[in-house]
Amino acid sequence: MKRVIEAEGVVTRFGSRTIHDGLSLHVNEQEIFAILGESGSGKSVLMKEMIMLLKPDAGKITVLGKELGKITFHQAQKLRSEWGVLFQFGALYSSLTIAENIEVQLKEYTKLSKEMRSKLVRSKIALVGLDAHVGALYPSELSGGMIKRAALARALAMEPKLLFLDEPTSGLDPVGARNFDKLIVELRQMLGITVVMITHDLDSIANIVDRMAVLADKHVVAEGTLDEVLHSTHPFVEEFFKNEYTRERFADRLAQGEEDVQ
């Protein structure tokens, strides 16, 4: 299976504080891959390194066949056009309409005419399930769920191969969160994209994630499918997946894992 992201021996420090100490993982093409972990484990830092907002102190990260620490400025610019990012709270420009927010990358990275850009913006708005009139609104006029979808439309503006999502269902009500999960799966199937998401949402983890990496103690302490991760005996995995609440949710899988051990 083709790997689209590889992190090998990543070390990240902020002053005297070490966040990652030899962290390694990989993401396969067209899978929905989750990054989860305890608070302060460096989930968002790792994602920022993958999208070149931060640079690790050691190790290497390869995205779409390009080693990030060795590419030229022009290669980096081209690579940025091949991924989209949905930040946790949308990060839409408050002074721009939704249509203008979506158009930003198209103006920056393409030479398309205004008419063609407008057509693409309308198509992206429709793609994420928003009504056409939303394009003329400002972020302050949207609900939390609509902001997430508008930010997703912007992330999809350049028809990326990779989609990075930071806590995509946080702040949404249960129905809105499940609808957003459904949308992510549909987009993966429709567009053939690879999705990397930071999440703590147990429903997302159980229902749409193909594989995941669990960060703790400055490393990846478990990586694989949910069933594979549930075999881990690391204290954080035990605390996150095998407490009273989650045991009920994952009862069948946990029981199967215990049978396999026996």
Foldseek 3Di string as FASTA:
>chain_A
DAWFKWWFQFWADDVPRTQAGGAIDTFHFLFAEEEEEDPSNCPVVVVCCQLVVDPTPDTWMGGRRRTVVDDDPVVSVVVNLQFFEQEPQLPFDQVAQLLVSLLVVVVVPHPDDPVVSSVLSQVLCVLLPHDSVSRRHGPVPDDSLSSLSSSVSSRCSSLHQEYEYEASQPPHDPVSSVVNLVSVQVCSVVSSHYYYYYHLDPCSLPPGGQKYFYGDPSYGQFIGHPLRLLLGPPPRSCVSQPDPVNCVVCVVSNVVSVVVVD
